[in-house]
Amino acid sequence: MNRKGKSKAFTVLLVVMVMAAALLAVIAVLNITDTNGLLDTLLFSNSYEPVFESIETEPMPSSTTTMTTTTTTTTATTTTTTTTAPSTIQTVLLPSATTTTAATQSEADKPLTAYLTFDDGPSDNTAQILDILDRYSVKGTFFVVYRKGYEDTYKAIAQRGHTIALHSWTHDYEKIYASEEAYFEDLDRIGTYVEGLVGYRPTFVRFPGGSSNTVSKKYCKGIMSTLAVSLEQKGYRYFDWNVSSGDASALHVKRSTIVNNVKRDIGKKRELTILMHDSPAKTTTVEALPEIIEHLQQQGFQLLPITDQTTPVHQTIAN
């Protein structure tokens, strides 16, 4: 190489050395002052993304992880907007779900309750019914009619802790449903009679045939609608039923049929008012009663007498 060429090469080498020295000086300065990893970002990343401390100190809920990933690549203004969105969603959606659940649980937690009710007594069967109820530590409700010679039986119903209620003096549809006045004349008569025996006047009532009976149409149109209102106004409460033993469907009904009728009618009901009869011919009702009680208790029902706290079952009035 001639003298001129050597001089040019030396110049290039000198420039390279100066540039290298300058670069080393810059690196040294950056190593001292870089506290946020900026040097690594400049040297080893293809792009630089700003870091917002607010994202780290106020983490998004786990249900909005996708939104958090998005906001780290946006501006601070966008981040502020999206971080408020989850709280709005929770405010709108969560109460609705909670309310639905609460309503469902309330219905599911409703206690299983059954009311054994006996119409048309007292009779020669009443003493056996009372003994069976006592054997199972169960109280019932008796909607009574007038029957001569059973004064001690009326008293026994009340004295043994059962509810005595009013059905009718005569149980004669033609007479009691002839008019509003005729009905209350009959009801007052049985009420006064029972009061004289047990010391108080019952205010729980069951219409002969139930409030939904249609036989009353033959005697007075609209009488059941009128009586349902009048009873309440006079301080009485009437009770229909939502489970029927079917023991009045014929003069004599098989014990097994009565039991099966009750089991079938229970369905998914949680409050039962069960209709049975205590009239002289209903010996098979007495025979069926233990199995009915045992079935109800096995299903978890508490058997109670009707009281002021009982919600009445009302059927649809058809007259």
C-alpha atoms as a PDB file:
ATOM      1  CA  MET A   1       0.000   0.000   0.000  1.00  0.00           C
ATOM      2  CA  ASN A   2       1.403   3.496  -0.925  1.00  0.00           C
ATOM      3  CA  ARG A   3       1.719   6.369   1.504  1.00  0.00           C
ATOM      4  CA  LYS A   4      -1.542   7.990   0.431  1.00  0.00           C
ATOM      5  CA  GLY A   5      -3.555   4.807   0.970  1.00  0.00           C
ATOM      6  CA  LYS A   6      -2.136   4.241   4.427  1.00  0.00           C
ATOM      7  CA  SER A   7      -3.088   7.773   5.419  1.00  0.00           C
ATOM      8  CA  LYS A   8      -6.725   7.228   4.331  1.00  0.00           C
ATOM      9  CA  ALA A   9      -7.015   3.943   6.212  1.00  0.00           C
ATOM     10  CA  PHE A  10      -5.605   5.541   9.342  1.00  0.00           C
ATOM     11  CA  THR A  11      -8.198   8.326   9.106  1.00  0.00           C
ATOM     12  CA  VAL A  12     -11.090   5.828   8.826  1.00  0.00           C
ATOM     13  CA  LEU A  13      -9.780   3.840  11.794  1.00  0.00           C
ATOM     14  CA  LEU A  14      -9.501   6.991  13.838  1.00  0.00           C
ATOM     15  CA  VAL A  15     -13.116   7.970  13.059  1.00  0.00           C
ATOM     16  CA  VAL A  16     -14.344   4.501  14.071  1.00  0.00           C
ATOM     17  CA  MET A  17     -12.436   4.663  17.346  1.00  0.00           C
ATOM     18  CA  VAL A  18     -13.870   8.106  18.137  1.00  0.00           C
ATOM     19  CA  MET A  19     -17.433   6.885  17.441  1.00  0.00           C
ATOM     20  CA  ALA A  20     -16.904   3.806  19.586  1.00  0.00           C
ATOM     21  CA  ALA A  21     -15.611   5.931  22.435  1.00  0.00           C
ATOM     22  CA  ALA A  22     -18.620   8.230  22.139  1.00  0.00           C
ATOM     23  CA  LEU A  23     -21.042   5.255  22.196  1.00  0.00           C
ATOM     24  CA  LEU A  24     -19.372   3.814  25.288  1.00  0.00           C
ATOM     25  CA  ALA A  25     -19.694   7.171  27.004  1.00  0.00           C
ATOM     26  CA  VAL A  26     -23.423   7.296  26.222  1.00  0.00           C
ATOM     27  CA  ILE A  27     -23.927   3.743  27.543  1.00  0.00           C
ATOM     28  CA  ALA A  28     -22.115   4.593  30.742  1.00  0.00           C
ATOM     29  CA  VAL A  29     -24.366   7.580  31.337  1.00  0.00           C
ATOM     30  CA  LEU A  30     -27.525   5.553  30.667  1.00  0.00           C
ATOM     31  CA  ASN A  31     -26.495   2.779  33.050  1.00  0.00           C
ATOM     32  CA  ILE A  32     -26.219   5.322  35.846  1.00  0.00           C
ATOM     33  CA  THR A  33     -29.488   7.240  35.279  1.00  0.00           C
ATOM     34  CA  ASP A  34     -31.903   4.581  33.931  1.00  0.00           C
ATOM     35  CA  THR A  35     -34.153   3.488  36.838  1.00  0.00           C
ATOM     36  CA  ASN A  36     -37.253   2.368  34.890  1.00  0.00           C
ATOM     37  CA  GLY A  37     -35.606  -0.043  32.426  1.00  0.00           C
ATOM     38  CA  LEU A  38     -35.574   2.483  29.601  1.00  0.00           C
ATOM     39  CA  LEU A  39     -32.152   1.292  28.347  1.00  0.00           C
ATOM     40  CA  ASP A  40     -33.383  -2.278  27.964  1.00  0.00           C
ATOM     41  CA  THR A  41     -36.479  -1.035  26.198  1.00  0.00           C
ATOM     42  CA  LEU A  42     -34.419   1.022  23.709  1.00  0.00           C
ATOM     43  CA  LEU A  43     -31.884  -1.705  23.016  1.00  0.00           C
ATOM     44  CA  PHE A  44     -34.027  -4.886  23.050  1.00  0.00           C
ATOM     45  CA  SER A  45     -37.621  -3.904  22.095  1.00  0.00           C
ATOM     46  CA  ASN A  46     -39.057  -3.197  18.707  1.00  0.00           C
ATOM     47  CA  SER A  47     -41.457  -0.638  20.160  1.00  0.00           C
ATOM     48  CA  TYR A  48     -41.904   1.405  23.320  1.00  0.00           C
ATOM     49  CA  GLU A  49     -45.231   1.348  25.202  1.00  0.00           C
ATOM     50  CA  PRO A  50     -45.968   3.874  27.959  1.00  0.00           C
ATOM     51  CA  VAL A  51     -46.587   2.366  31.417  1.00  0.00           C
ATOM     52  CA  PHE A  52     -49.426   3.732  33.588  1.00  0.00           C
ATOM     53  CA  GLU A  53     -49.028   3.139  37.304  1.00  0.00           C
ATOM     54  CA  SER A  54     -52.800   3.435  37.864  1.00  0.00           C
ATOM     55  CA  ILE A  55     -53.385   0.170  36.050  1.00  0.00           C
ATOM     56  CA  GLU A  56     -51.141  -1.702  38.438  1.00  0.00           C
ATOM     57  CA  THR A  57     -52.410  -0.090  41.639  1.00  0.00           C
ATOM     58  CA  GLU A  58     -56.141  -0.508  40.701  1.00  0.00           C
ATOM     59  CA  PRO A  59     -56.394  -3.974  39.167  1.00  0.00           C
ATOM     60  CA  MET A  60     -59.514  -4.914  37.252  1.00  0.00           C
ATOM     61  CA  PRO A  61     -61.793  -7.683  38.602  1.00  0.00           C
ATOM     62  CA  SER A  62     -60.988 -11.188  37.410  1.00  0.00           C
ATOM     63  CA  SER A  63     -64.187 -11.261  35.350  1.00  0.00           C
ATOM     64  CA  THR A  64     -62.864  -8.383  33.213  1.00  0.00           C
ATOM     65  CA  THR A  65     -59.359  -9.678  32.484  1.00  0.00           C
ATOM     66  CA  THR A  66     -59.860  -9.199  28.763  1.00  0.00           C
ATOM     67  CA  MET A  67     -60.685  -5.541  29.269  1.00  0.00           C
ATOM     68  CA  THR A  68     -57.513  -5.052  31.337  1.00  0.00           C
ATOM     69  CA  THR A  69     -55.330  -6.379  28.545  1.00  0.00           C
ATOM     70  CA  THR A  70     -56.927  -3.971  26.139  1.00  0.00           C
ATOM     71  CA  THR A  71     -56.562  -0.915  28.313  1.00  0.00           C
ATOM     72  CA  THR A  72     -52.808  -1.333  28.778  1.00  0.00           C
ATOM     73  CA  THR A  73     -52.340  -0.527  25.100  1.00  0.00           C
ATOM     74  CA  THR A  74     -54.554   2.556  25.062  1.00  0.00           C
ATOM     75  CA  THR A  75     -54.285   6.078  26.330  1.00  0.00           C
ATOM     76  CA  ALA A  76     -54.848   7.122  29.905  1.00  0.00           C
ATOM     77  CA  THR A  77     -58.247   8.619  29.044  1.00  0.00           C
ATOM     78  CA  THR A  78     -59.494   5.365  27.542  1.00  0.00           C
ATOM     79  CA  THR A  79     -58.263   3.440  30.548  1.00  0.00           C
ATOM     80  CA  THR A  80     -60.268   5.598  32.924  1.00  0.00           C
ATOM     81  CA  THR A  81     -63.430   5.044  30.893  1.00  0.00           C
ATOM     82  CA  THR A  82     -63.128   1.267  30.686  1.00  0.00           C
ATOM     83  CA  THR A  83     -62.221   0.725  34.311  1.00  0.00           C
ATOM     84  CA  THR A  84     -65.586   2.191  35.376  1.00  0.00           C
ATOM     85  CA  ALA A  85     -67.569  -0.098  33.100  1.00  0.00           C
ATOM     86  CA  PRO A  86     -67.396  -3.274  35.230  1.00  0.00           C
ATOM     87  CA  SER A  87     -68.904  -1.558  38.281  1.00  0.00           C
ATOM     88  CA  THR A  88     -71.817  -0.384  36.131  1.00  0.00           C
ATOM     89  CA  ILE A  89     -72.429  -3.915  34.864  1.00  0.00           C
ATOM     90  CA  GLN A  90     -72.370  -5.314  38.386  1.00  0.00           C
ATOM     91  CA  THR A  91     -74.843  -2.708  39.611  1.00  0.00           C
ATOM     92  CA  VAL A  92     -77.341  -3.580  36.886  1.00  0.00           C
ATOM     93  CA  LEU A  93     -77.024  -7.360  36.737  1.00  0.00           C
ATOM     94  CA  LEU A  94     -76.248  -8.659  40.207  1.00  0.00           C
ATOM     95  CA  PRO A  95     -79.329  -7.386  42.093  1.00  0.00           C
ATOM     96  CA  SER A  96     -81.630  -8.989  39.524  1.00  0.00           C
ATOM     97  CA  ALA A  97     -80.000 -12.405  39.923  1.00  0.00           C
ATOM     98  CA  THR A  98     -80.019 -12.121  43.703  1.00  0.00           C
ATOM     99  CA  THR A  99     -83.715 -11.181  43.816  1.00  0.00           C
ATOM    100  CA  THR A 100     -84.687 -14.189  41.698  1.00  0.00           C
ATOM    101  CA  THR A 101     -82.685 -16.533  43.888  1.00  0.00           C
ATOM    102  CA  ALA A 102     -84.149 -15.075  47.069  1.00  0.00           C
ATOM    103  CA  ALA A 103     -87.696 -15.572  45.796  1.00  0.00           C
ATOM    104  CA  THR A 104     -86.959 -19.176  44.840  1.00  0.00           C
ATOM    105  CA  GLN A 105     -85.363 -19.931  48.180  1.00  0.00           C
ATOM    106  CA  SER A 106     -88.268 -18.339  50.032  1.00  0.00           C
ATOM    107  CA  GLU A 107     -90.738 -20.658  48.320  1.00  0.00           C
ATOM    108  CA  ALA A 108     -88.505 -23.694  48.762  1.00  0.00           C
ATOM    109  CA  ASP A 109     -88.010 -22.934  52.454  1.00  0.00           C
ATOM    110  CA  LYS A 110     -91.727 -22.634  53.132  1.00  0.00           C
ATOM    111  CA  PRO A 111     -92.556 -25.143  55.906  1.00  0.00           C
ATOM    112  CA  LEU A 112     -94.514 -28.278  55.046  1.00  0.00           C
ATOM    113  CA  THR A 113     -97.802 -27.905  56.914  1.00  0.00           C
ATOM    114  CA  ALA A 114    -100.967 -30.002  56.890  1.00  0.00           C
ATOM    115  CA  TYR A 115    -104.344 -29.341  58.497  1.00  0.00           C
ATOM    116  CA  LEU A 116    -106.532 -32.401  59.071  1.00  0.00           C
ATOM    117  CA  THR A 117    -110.155 -31.228  58.969  1.00  0.00           C
ATOM    118  CA  PHE A 118    -113.279 -33.250  59.746  1.00  0.00           C
ATOM    119  CA  ASP A 119    -116.780 -32.189  58.663  1.00  0.00           C
ATOM    120  CA  ASP A 120    -120.240 -33.251  59.853  1.00  0.00           C
ATOM    121  CA  GLY A 121    -119.360 -34.459  63.353  1.00  0.00           C
ATOM    122  CA  PRO A 122    -119.677 -35.274  66.076  1.00  0.00           C
ATOM    123  CA  SER A 123    -120.612 -38.936  65.753  1.00  0.00           C
ATOM    124  CA  ASP A 124    -119.768 -42.324  67.234  1.00  0.00           C
ATOM    125  CA  ASN A 125    -116.531 -42.114  65.221  1.00  0.00           C
ATOM    126  CA  THR A 126    -115.302 -38.931  66.898  1.00  0.00           C
ATOM    127  CA  ALA A 127    -113.899 -40.601  70.009  1.00  0.00           C
ATOM    128  CA  GLN A 128    -111.793 -42.953  67.860  1.00  0.00           C
ATOM    129  CA  ILE A 129    -110.548 -40.055  65.756  1.00  0.00           C
ATOM    130  CA  LEU A 130    -109.526 -38.148  68.880  1.00  0.00           C
ATOM    131  CA  ASP A 131    -107.670 -41.202  70.202  1.00  0.00           C
ATOM    132  CA  ILE A 132    -105.785 -41.634  66.922  1.00  0.00           C
ATOM    133  CA  LEU A 133    -104.808 -37.968  66.850  1.00  0.00           C
ATOM    134  CA  ASP A 134    -103.572 -38.218  70.439  1.00  0.00           C
ATOM    135  CA  ARG A 135    -101.567 -41.347  69.618  1.00  0.00           C
ATOM    136  CA  TYR A 136     -99.637 -39.432  66.948  1.00  0.00           C
ATOM    137  CA  SER A 137     -99.489 -36.200  68.987  1.00  0.00           C
ATOM    138  CA  VAL A 138    -101.475 -34.443  66.274  1.00  0.00           C
ATOM    139  CA  LYS A 139    -104.189 -31.785  66.535  1.00  0.00           C
ATOM    140  CA  GLY A 140    -107.077 -31.487  64.096  1.00  0.00           C
ATOM    141  CA  THR A 141    -109.960 -29.173  63.220  1.00  0.00           C
ATOM    142  CA  PHE A 142    -113.616 -30.202  63.477  1.00  0.00           C
ATOM    143  CA  PHE A 143    -116.305 -28.322  61.519  1.00  0.00           C
ATOM    144  CA  VAL A 144    -119.354 -29.428  63.476  1.00  0.00           C
ATOM    145  CA  VAL A 145    -123.064 -29.681  62.855  1.00  0.00           C
ATOM    146  CA  TYR A 146    -125.840 -30.085  65.424  1.00  0.00           C
ATOM    147  CA  ARG A 147    -126.213 -33.635  66.656  1.00  0.00           C
ATOM    148  CA  LYS A 148    -128.333 -34.371  69.709  1.00  0.00           C
ATOM    149  CA  GLY A 149    -126.825 -36.408  72.503  1.00  0.00           C
ATOM    150  CA  TYR A 150    -123.158 -35.611  71.789  1.00  0.00           C
ATOM    151  CA  GLU A 151    -122.696 -32.732  74.196  1.00  0.00           C
ATOM    152  CA  ASP A 152    -119.697 -34.383  75.863  1.00  0.00           C
ATOM    153  CA  THR A 153    -118.094 -35.004  72.480  1.00  0.00           C
ATOM    154  CA  TYR A 154    -118.241 -31.337  71.499  1.00  0.00           C
ATOM    155  CA  LYS A 155    -116.572 -30.526  74.799  1.00  0.00           C
ATOM    156  CA  ALA A 156    -113.939 -33.249  74.362  1.00  0.00           C
ATOM    157  CA  ILE A 157    -112.873 -31.829  71.003  1.00  0.00           C
ATOM    158  CA  ALA A 158    -112.079 -28.487  72.601  1.00  0.00           C
ATOM    159  CA  GLN A 159    -110.705 -29.865  75.864  1.00  0.00           C
ATOM    160  CA  ARG A 160    -108.201 -32.101  74.071  1.00  0.00           C
ATOM    161  CA  GLY A 161    -106.671 -29.159  72.263  1.00  0.00           C
ATOM    162  CA  HIS A 162    -108.323 -29.406  68.877  1.00  0.00           C
ATOM    163  CA  THR A 163    -109.995 -26.568  66.995  1.00  0.00           C
ATOM    164  CA  ILE A 164    -113.771 -26.659  66.993  1.00  0.00           C
ATOM    165  CA  ALA A 165    -115.312 -24.727  64.093  1.00  0.00           C
ATOM    166  CA  LEU A 166    -118.759 -24.210  62.570  1.00  0.00           C
ATOM    167  CA  HIS A 167    -120.288 -26.062  59.642  1.00  0.00           C
ATOM    168  CA  SER A 168    -124.077 -25.855  59.901  1.00  0.00           C
ATOM    169  CA  TRP A 169    -127.027 -26.491  62.177  1.00  0.00           C
ATOM    170  CA  THR A 170    -129.063 -28.447  59.616  1.00  0.00           C
ATOM    171  CA  HIS A 171    -126.704 -29.054  56.649  1.00  0.00           C
ATOM    172  CA  ASP A 172    -129.829 -28.714  54.507  1.00  0.00           C
ATOM    173  CA  TYR A 173    -128.803 -26.977  51.271  1.00  0.00           C
ATOM    174  CA  GLU A 174    -132.339 -25.976  50.379  1.00  0.00           C
ATOM    175  CA  LYS A 175    -132.835 -24.181  53.684  1.00  0.00           C
ATOM    176  CA  ILE A 176    -129.446 -22.590  54.309  1.00  0.00           C
ATOM    177  CA  TYR A 177    -128.884 -21.360  50.750  1.00  0.00           C
ATOM    178  CA  ALA A 178    -132.382 -19.976  50.271  1.00  0.00           C
ATOM    179  CA  SER A 179    -131.157 -16.484  51.191  1.00  0.00           C
ATOM    180  CA  GLU A 180    -128.474 -14.600  53.070  1.00  0.00           C
ATOM    181  CA  GLU A 181    -130.792 -14.282  56.060  1.00  0.00           C
ATOM    182  CA  ALA A 182    -131.501 -18.012  56.057  1.00  0.00           C
ATOM    183  CA  TYR A 183    -127.812 -18.873  56.023  1.00  0.00           C
ATOM    184  CA  PHE A 184    -126.924 -16.645  58.960  1.00  0.00           C
ATOM    185  CA  GLU A 185    -129.931 -17.821  60.943  1.00  0.00           C
ATOM    186  CA  ASP A 186    -128.589 -21.367  60.614  1.00  0.00           C
ATOM    187  CA  LEU A 187    -124.988 -20.311  61.394  1.00  0.00           C
ATOM    188  CA  ASP A 188    -126.018 -18.290  64.440  1.00  0.00           C
ATOM    189  CA  ARG A 189    -127.937 -21.249  65.782  1.00  0.00           C
ATOM    190  CA  ILE A 190    -125.002 -23.668  65.657  1.00  0.00           C
ATOM    191  CA  GLY A 191    -122.643 -20.964  66.923  1.00  0.00           C
ATOM    192  CA  THR A 192    -124.792 -20.243  69.947  1.00  0.00           C
ATOM    193  CA  TYR A 193    -125.160 -23.937  70.697  1.00  0.00           C
ATOM    194  CA  VAL A 194    -121.400 -24.632  70.589  1.00  0.00           C
ATOM    195  CA  GLU A 195    -120.668 -21.535  72.651  1.00  0.00           C
ATOM    196  CA  GLY A 196    -122.962 -22.829  75.362  1.00  0.00           C
ATOM    197  CA  LEU A 197    -120.942 -26.049  75.535  1.00  0.00           C
ATOM    198  CA  VAL A 198    -117.315 -24.936  75.176  1.00  0.00           C
ATOM    199  CA  GLY A 199    -117.509 -21.384  76.519  1.00  0.00           C
ATOM    200  CA  TYR A 200    -116.635 -19.444  73.366  1.00  0.00           C
ATOM    201  CA  ARG A 201    -118.132 -18.817  69.952  1.00  0.00           C
ATOM    202  CA  PRO A 202    -116.030 -20.228  67.085  1.00  0.00           C
ATOM    203  CA  THR A 203    -115.377 -17.877  64.181  1.00  0.00           C
ATOM    204  CA  PHE A 204    -113.952 -20.396  61.694  1.00  0.00           C
ATOM    205  CA  VAL A 205    -116.539 -21.614  59.193  1.00  0.00           C
ATOM    206  CA  ARG A 206    -116.838 -24.090  56.354  1.00  0.00           C
ATOM    207  CA  PHE A 207    -119.729 -23.821  53.918  1.00  0.00           C
ATOM    208  CA  PRO A 208    -121.654 -27.061  53.362  1.00  0.00           C
ATOM    209  CA  GLY A 209    -120.433 -28.143  49.934  1.00  0.00           C
ATOM    210  CA  GLY A 210    -117.604 -25.599  50.053  1.00  0.00           C
ATOM    211  CA  SER A 211    -117.629 -22.085  48.648  1.00  0.00           C
ATOM    212  CA  SER A 212    -117.406 -23.458  45.102  1.00  0.00           C
ATOM    213  CA  ASN A 213    -120.591 -25.538  45.310  1.00  0.00           C
ATOM    214  CA  THR A 214    -123.083 -25.139  42.473  1.00  0.00           C
ATOM    215  CA  VAL A 215    -126.062 -26.836  44.120  1.00  0.00           C
ATOM    216  CA  SER A 216    -126.861 -23.499  45.775  1.00  0.00           C
ATOM    217  CA  LYS A 217    -127.790 -22.088  42.351  1.00  0.00           C
ATOM    218  CA  LYS A 218    -131.040 -24.032  42.540  1.00  0.00           C
ATOM    219  CA  TYR A 219    -132.079 -22.051  45.594  1.00  0.00           C
ATOM    220  CA  CYS A 220    -130.583 -18.577  45.207  1.00  0.00           C
ATOM    221  CA  LYS A 221    -128.512 -17.235  42.348  1.00  0.00           C
ATOM    222  CA  GLY A 222    -125.279 -15.571  43.486  1.00  0.00           C
ATOM    223  CA  ILE A 223    -125.719 -16.607  47.117  1.00  0.00           C
ATOM    224  CA  MET A 224    -122.152 -17.915  47.569  1.00  0.00           C
ATOM    225  CA  SER A 225    -120.599 -14.678  46.328  1.00  0.00           C
ATOM    226  CA  THR A 226    -122.794 -12.740  48.742  1.00  0.00           C
ATOM    227  CA  LEU A 227    -122.055 -15.002  51.710  1.00  0.00           C
ATOM    228  CA  ALA A 228    -118.294 -14.969  51.164  1.00  0.00           C
ATOM    229  CA  VAL A 229    -118.311 -11.197  51.601  1.00  0.00           C
ATOM    230  CA  SER A 230    -120.877 -11.114  54.408  1.00  0.00           C
ATOM    231  CA  LEU A 231    -119.010 -13.682  56.502  1.00  0.00           C
ATOM    232  CA  GLU A 232    -115.846 -11.611  56.517  1.00  0.00           C
ATOM    233  CA  GLN A 233    -117.810  -8.483  57.380  1.00  0.00           C
ATOM    234  CA  LYS A 234    -119.343 -10.252  60.368  1.00  0.00           C
ATOM    235  CA  GLY A 235    -115.951 -11.348  61.700  1.00  0.00           C
ATOM    236  CA  TYR A 236    -115.917 -14.933  60.450  1.00  0.00           C
ATOM    237  CA  ARG A 237    -113.287 -16.641  58.288  1.00  0.00           C
ATOM    238  CA  TYR A 238    -114.218 -19.460  55.945  1.00  0.00           C
ATOM    239  CA  PHE A 239    -111.969 -22.363  54.998  1.00  0.00           C
ATOM    240  CA  ASP A 240    -112.237 -24.606  51.956  1.00  0.00           C
ATOM    241  CA  TRP A 241    -109.759 -27.422  51.194  1.00  0.00           C
ATOM    242  CA  ASN A 242    -107.080 -28.236  48.622  1.00  0.00           C
ATOM    243  CA  VAL A 243    -106.785 -31.975  49.335  1.00  0.00           C
ATOM    244  CA  SER A 244    -109.843 -34.239  49.379  1.00  0.00           C
ATOM    245  CA  SER A 245    -110.006 -37.723  50.859  1.00  0.00           C
ATOM    246  CA  GLY A 246    -113.022 -38.432  48.669  1.00  0.00           C
ATOM    247  CA  ASP A 247    -114.712 -40.174  51.582  1.00  0.00           C
ATOM    248  CA  ALA A 248    -118.020 -38.458  50.785  1.00  0.00           C
ATOM    249  CA  SER A 249    -118.134 -39.585  47.160  1.00  0.00           C
ATOM    250  CA  ALA A 250    -120.203 -42.606  48.219  1.00  0.00           C
ATOM    251  CA  LEU A 251    -121.830 -43.917  51.373  1.00  0.00           C
ATOM    252  CA  HIS A 252    -118.965 -46.353  51.912  1.00  0.00           C
ATOM    253  CA  VAL A 253    -115.523 -45.740  50.387  1.00  0.00           C
ATOM    254  CA  LYS A 254    -112.660 -48.221  50.757  1.00  0.00           C
ATOM    255  CA  ARG A 255    -109.907 -47.391  53.235  1.00  0.00           C
ATOM    256  CA  SER A 256    -107.260 -47.806  50.517  1.00  0.00           C
ATOM    257  CA  THR A 257    -109.155 -45.463  48.187  1.00  0.00           C
ATOM    258  CA  ILE A 258    -109.283 -42.752  50.848  1.00  0.00           C
ATOM    259  CA  VAL A 259    -105.540 -43.062  51.503  1.00  0.00           C
ATOM    260  CA  ASN A 260    -104.684 -43.008  47.802  1.00  0.00           C
ATOM    261  CA  ASN A 261    -106.918 -39.990  47.193  1.00  0.00           C
ATOM    262  CA  VAL A 262    -105.024 -38.001  49.818  1.00  0.00           C
ATOM    263  CA  LYS A 263    -101.604 -39.076  48.518  1.00  0.00           C
ATOM    264  CA  ARG A 264    -102.595 -38.155  44.963  1.00  0.00           C
ATOM    265  CA  ASP A 265    -103.971 -34.745  45.885  1.00  0.00           C
ATOM    266  CA  ILE A 266    -100.889 -33.714  47.860  1.00  0.00           C
ATOM    267  CA  GLY A 267     -98.788 -33.365  44.716  1.00  0.00           C
ATOM    268  CA  LYS A 268     -96.167 -30.661  45.252  1.00  0.00           C
ATOM    269  CA  LYS A 269     -98.236 -28.572  47.648  1.00  0.00           C
ATOM    270  CA  ARG A 270     -96.450 -27.340  50.758  1.00  0.00           C
ATOM    271  CA  GLU A 271     -99.577 -26.281  52.683  1.00  0.00           C
ATOM    272  CA  LEU A 272    -102.429 -28.769  52.828  1.00  0.00           C
ATOM    273  CA  THR A 273    -105.981 -28.422  54.093  1.00  0.00           C
ATOM    274  CA  ILE A 274    -107.321 -31.970  53.951  1.00  0.00           C
ATOM    275  CA  LEU A 275    -111.063 -32.667  53.817  1.00  0.00           C
ATOM    276  CA  MET A 276    -112.401 -35.718  55.681  1.00  0.00           C
ATOM    277  CA  HIS A 277    -115.726 -36.505  57.303  1.00  0.00           C
ATOM    278  CA  ASP A 278    -116.790 -37.477  60.813  1.00  0.00           C
ATOM    279  CA  SER A 279    -120.368 -38.488  60.060  1.00  0.00           C
ATOM    280  CA  PRO A 280    -121.774 -41.797  61.377  1.00  0.00           C
ATOM    281  CA  ALA A 281    -121.182 -43.855  58.206  1.00  0.00           C
ATOM    282  CA  LYS A 282    -117.511 -42.901  57.746  1.00  0.00           C
ATOM    283  CA  THR A 283    -115.896 -45.814  59.567  1.00  0.00           C
ATOM    284  CA  THR A 284    -113.369 -46.334  56.767  1.00  0.00           C
ATOM    285  CA  THR A 285    -112.151 -42.770  57.258  1.00  0.00           C
ATOM    286  CA  VAL A 286    -111.234 -43.740  60.812  1.00  0.00           C
ATOM    287  CA  GLU A 287    -109.425 -46.807  59.458  1.00  0.00           C
ATOM    288  CA  ALA A 288    -107.518 -44.729  56.899  1.00  0.00           C
ATOM    289  CA  LEU A 289    -106.488 -41.979  59.300  1.00  0.00           C
ATOM    290  CA  PRO A 290    -103.360 -43.635  60.810  1.00  0.00           C
ATOM    291  CA  GLU A 291    -101.870 -44.355  57.386  1.00  0.00           C
ATOM    292  CA  ILE A 292    -102.628 -40.805  56.224  1.00  0.00           C
ATOM    293  CA  ILE A 293    -100.922 -39.322  59.284  1.00  0.00           C
ATOM    294  CA  GLU A 294     -97.894 -41.594  58.941  1.00  0.00           C
ATOM    295  CA  HIS A 295     -97.512 -40.733  55.264  1.00  0.00           C
ATOM    296  CA  LEU A 296     -97.668 -37.001  55.956  1.00  0.00           C
ATOM    297  CA  GLN A 297     -95.137 -37.244  58.767  1.00  0.00           C
ATOM    298  CA  GLN A 298     -92.782 -39.327  56.623  1.00  0.00           C
ATOM    299  CA  GLN A 299     -92.975 -36.615  53.964  1.00  0.00           C
ATOM    300  CA  GLY A 300     -91.928 -34.026  56.556  1.00  0.00           C
ATOM    301  CA  PHE A 301     -95.295 -32.335  57.127  1.00  0.00           C
ATOM    302  CA  GLN A 302     -96.128 -30.751  60.461  1.00  0.00           C
ATOM    303  CA  LEU A 303     -99.762 -31.440  61.338  1.00  0.00           C
ATOM    304  CA  LEU A 304    -101.477 -28.501  63.012  1.00  0.00           C
ATOM    305  CA  PRO A 305    -104.964 -27.301  63.962  1.00  0.00           C
ATOM    306  CA  ILE A 306    -106.376 -24.267  62.177  1.00  0.00           C
ATOM    307  CA  THR A 307    -105.690 -21.067  64.120  1.00  0.00           C
ATOM    308  CA  ASP A 308    -105.834 -17.317  63.562  1.00  0.00           C
ATOM    309  CA  GLN A 309    -102.410 -17.581  61.898  1.00  0.00           C
ATOM    310  CA  THR A 310    -103.607 -20.091  59.297  1.00  0.00           C
ATOM    311  CA  THR A 311    -104.001 -18.811  55.745  1.00  0.00           C
ATOM    312  CA  PRO A 312    -107.438 -19.964  54.516  1.00  0.00           C
ATOM    313  CA  VAL A 313    -107.755 -22.014  51.361  1.00  0.00           C
ATOM    314  CA  HIS A 314    -110.445 -20.476  49.150  1.00  0.00           C
ATOM    315  CA  GLN A 315    -111.823 -22.219  46.102  1.00  0.00           C
ATOM    316  CA  THR A 316    -113.211 -20.396  43.082  1.00  0.00           C
ATOM    317  CA  ILE A 317    -116.784 -19.362  43.781  1.00  0.00           C
ATOM    318  CA  ALA A 318    -119.118 -20.580  41.033  1.00  0.00           C
ATOM    319  CA  ASN A 319    -122.361 -18.994  42.227  1.00  0.00           C
END
